[in-house]
Amino acid sequence: MVGNRSSTAVLVVENQSTSDMRIYARFAGQEVRLGSVTGLRTERLEIPSSIVGGGRELAFVADPLAGRSTATSFSIFVAPGEEVTMVIPPTVR
């Protein structure tokens, strides 16, 4: 469920891989789990205000539940109320 859009942001994850993925936000040397996305599904994950703050550079990490390869996005500035998209390619397993 997506909360108050004025203080949170949303990450839309399009998982084109058949693997289920754990999704993390990476910032300031730490990672915070945002949720999971089933293989071949698209999900909306809330980025809490405690992460976004007044706006922050974030990268997103997709870690397969079964497998070794991870996918990491480029860093992007995310502000409260914004919606950003991450596409996980089919080859990440």
C-alpha atoms as a PDB file:
ATOM      1  CA  MET A   1       0.000   0.000   0.000  1.00  0.00           C
ATOM      2  CA  VAL A   2       1.327   3.417  -0.902  1.00  0.00           C
ATOM      3  CA  GLY A   3       1.164   5.975   1.907  1.00  0.00           C
ATOM      4  CA  ASN A   4       1.146   9.772   2.003  1.00  0.00           C
ATOM      5  CA  ARG A   5       2.607  10.839  -1.334  1.00  0.00           C
ATOM      6  CA  SER A   6       3.643  14.226   0.001  1.00  0.00           C
ATOM      7  CA  SER A   7       6.331  12.718   2.250  1.00  0.00           C
ATOM      8  CA  THR A   8       7.049   9.395   0.542  1.00  0.00           C
ATOM      9  CA  ALA A   9       8.014   8.425  -2.994  1.00  0.00           C
ATOM     10  CA  VAL A  10       7.142   5.364  -5.064  1.00  0.00           C
ATOM     11  CA  LEU A  11       9.395   2.919  -6.893  1.00  0.00           C
ATOM     12  CA  VAL A  12       7.634   1.062  -9.711  1.00  0.00           C
ATOM     13  CA  VAL A  13       9.535  -2.189 -10.330  1.00  0.00           C
ATOM     14  CA  GLU A  14       8.964  -3.991 -13.636  1.00  0.00           C
ATOM     15  CA  ASN A  15      10.479  -7.438 -13.120  1.00  0.00           C
ATOM     16  CA  GLN A  16      11.057  -8.965 -16.570  1.00  0.00           C
ATOM     17  CA  SER A  17      13.047 -11.816 -15.004  1.00  0.00           C
ATOM     18  CA  THR A  18      11.433 -15.103 -13.995  1.00  0.00           C
ATOM     19  CA  SER A  19      13.170 -14.840 -10.605  1.00  0.00           C
ATOM     20  CA  ASP A  20      11.519 -13.307  -7.569  1.00  0.00           C
ATOM     21  CA  MET A  21      13.523 -10.289  -6.377  1.00  0.00           C
ATOM     22  CA  ARG A  22      14.192  -8.510  -3.100  1.00  0.00           C
ATOM     23  CA  ILE A  23      14.395  -4.754  -3.716  1.00  0.00           C
ATOM     24  CA  TYR A  24      16.631  -2.390  -1.731  1.00  0.00           C
ATOM     25  CA  ALA A  25      17.296   1.345  -1.734  1.00  0.00           C
ATOM     26  CA  ARG A  26      21.025   2.146  -1.470  1.00  0.00           C
ATOM     27  CA  PHE A  27      22.216   5.489  -0.075  1.00  0.00           C
ATOM     28  CA  ALA A  28      24.993   6.877   2.107  1.00  0.00           C
ATOM     29  CA  GLY A  29      26.713   3.485   2.383  1.00  0.00           C
ATOM     30  CA  GLN A  30      23.635   1.588   3.529  1.00  0.00           C
ATOM     31  CA  GLU A  31      20.823  -0.486   2.029  1.00  0.00           C
ATOM     32  CA  VAL A  32      17.213  -0.582   3.179  1.00  0.00           C
ATOM     33  CA  ARG A  33      14.816  -3.257   1.957  1.00  0.00           C
ATOM     34  CA  LEU A  34      11.734  -1.850   0.239  1.00  0.00           C
ATOM     35  CA  GLY A  35       9.988  -5.151  -0.522  1.00  0.00           C
ATOM     36  CA  SER A  36       9.828  -8.030  -2.991  1.00  0.00           C
ATOM     37  CA  VAL A  37       8.633  -8.408  -6.563  1.00  0.00           C
ATOM     38  CA  THR A  38       7.543 -11.731  -8.029  1.00  0.00           C
ATOM     39  CA  GLY A  39       9.013 -12.795 -11.371  1.00  0.00           C
ATOM     40  CA  LEU A  40       7.323 -11.375 -14.475  1.00  0.00           C
ATOM     41  CA  ARG A  41       5.290  -8.865 -12.413  1.00  0.00           C
ATOM     42  CA  THR A  42       5.205  -5.122 -11.890  1.00  0.00           C
ATOM     43  CA  GLU A  43       4.813  -3.793  -8.336  1.00  0.00           C
ATOM     44  CA  ARG A  44       4.685  -0.384  -6.675  1.00  0.00           C
ATOM     45  CA  LEU A  45       6.894  -0.094  -3.578  1.00  0.00           C
ATOM     46  CA  GLU A  46       6.802   2.810  -1.174  1.00  0.00           C
ATOM     47  CA  ILE A  47      10.064   4.612  -0.466  1.00  0.00           C
ATOM     48  CA  PRO A  48       9.513   5.824   3.122  1.00  0.00           C
ATOM     49  CA  SER A  49       9.993   9.434   4.134  1.00  0.00           C
ATOM     50  CA  SER A  50      12.800   8.265   6.453  1.00  0.00           C
ATOM     51  CA  ILE A  51      14.780   7.362   3.299  1.00  0.00           C
ATOM     52  CA  VAL A  52      13.666  10.116   0.924  1.00  0.00           C
ATOM     53  CA  GLY A  53      13.777  12.937   3.477  1.00  0.00           C
ATOM     54  CA  GLY A  54      13.677  16.248   1.594  1.00  0.00           C
ATOM     55  CA  GLY A  55      15.145  14.490  -1.451  1.00  0.00           C
ATOM     56  CA  ARG A  56      18.139  12.197  -1.792  1.00  0.00           C
ATOM     57  CA  GLU A  57      20.423  10.416  -4.287  1.00  0.00           C
ATOM     58  CA  LEU A  58      19.342   6.776  -4.351  1.00  0.00           C
ATOM     59  CA  ALA A  59      20.293   3.657  -6.251  1.00  0.00           C
ATOM     60  CA  PHE A  60      18.070   0.584  -6.301  1.00  0.00           C
ATOM     61  CA  VAL A  61      19.245  -3.013  -5.986  1.00  0.00           C
ATOM     62  CA  ALA A  62      17.381  -6.131  -7.150  1.00  0.00           C
ATOM     63  CA  ASP A  63      18.637  -9.277  -5.427  1.00  0.00           C
ATOM     64  CA  PRO A  64      17.198 -12.620  -6.617  1.00  0.00           C
ATOM     65  CA  LEU A  65      15.823 -14.874  -3.896  1.00  0.00           C
ATOM     66  CA  ALA A  66      17.524 -17.809  -5.648  1.00  0.00           C
ATOM     67  CA  GLY A  67      20.652 -16.870  -7.551  1.00  0.00           C
ATOM     68  CA  ARG A  68      23.818 -14.838  -7.455  1.00  0.00           C
ATOM     69  CA  SER A  69      23.434 -11.983  -9.927  1.00  0.00           C
ATOM     70  CA  THR A  70      22.117  -8.662  -8.698  1.00  0.00           C
ATOM     71  CA  ALA A  71      20.946  -5.705 -10.746  1.00  0.00           C
ATOM     72  CA  THR A  72      21.768  -2.184  -9.552  1.00  0.00           C
ATOM     73  CA  SER A  73      20.370   1.006 -11.011  1.00  0.00           C
ATOM     74  CA  PHE A  74      22.248   4.214 -11.611  1.00  0.00           C
ATOM     75  CA  SER A  75      21.943   6.800  -8.835  1.00  0.00           C
ATOM     76  CA  ILE A  76      19.000   9.143  -9.213  1.00  0.00           C
ATOM     77  CA  PHE A  77      17.776  12.058  -7.134  1.00  0.00           C
ATOM     78  CA  VAL A  78      14.380  11.163  -5.645  1.00  0.00           C
ATOM     79  CA  ALA A  79      12.164  13.746  -3.942  1.00  0.00           C
ATOM     80  CA  PRO A  80       9.031  13.212  -1.846  1.00  0.00           C
ATOM     81  CA  GLY A  81       5.920  12.712  -3.977  1.00  0.00           C
ATOM     82  CA  GLU A  82       7.853  11.422  -6.997  1.00  0.00           C
ATOM     83  CA  GLU A  83       7.446   8.105  -8.791  1.00  0.00           C
ATOM     84  CA  VAL A  84      10.499   6.422 -10.325  1.00  0.00           C
ATOM     85  CA  THR A  85      10.733   3.192 -12.333  1.00  0.00           C
ATOM     86  CA  MET A  86      13.231   0.328 -12.254  1.00  0.00           C
ATOM     87  CA  VAL A  87      13.169  -2.315 -15.005  1.00  0.00           C
ATOM     88  CA  ILE A  88      14.854  -5.613 -14.145  1.00  0.00           C
ATOM     89  CA  PRO A  89      16.013  -7.304 -17.356  1.00  0.00           C
ATOM     90  CA  PRO A  90      15.102 -10.930 -18.126  1.00  0.00           C
ATOM     91  CA  THR A  91      18.734 -12.056 -17.820  1.00  0.00           C
ATOM     92  CA  VAL A  92      19.084 -11.356 -14.067  1.00  0.00           C
ATOM     93  CA  ARG A  93      18.780 -14.690 -12.244  1.00  0.00           C
END
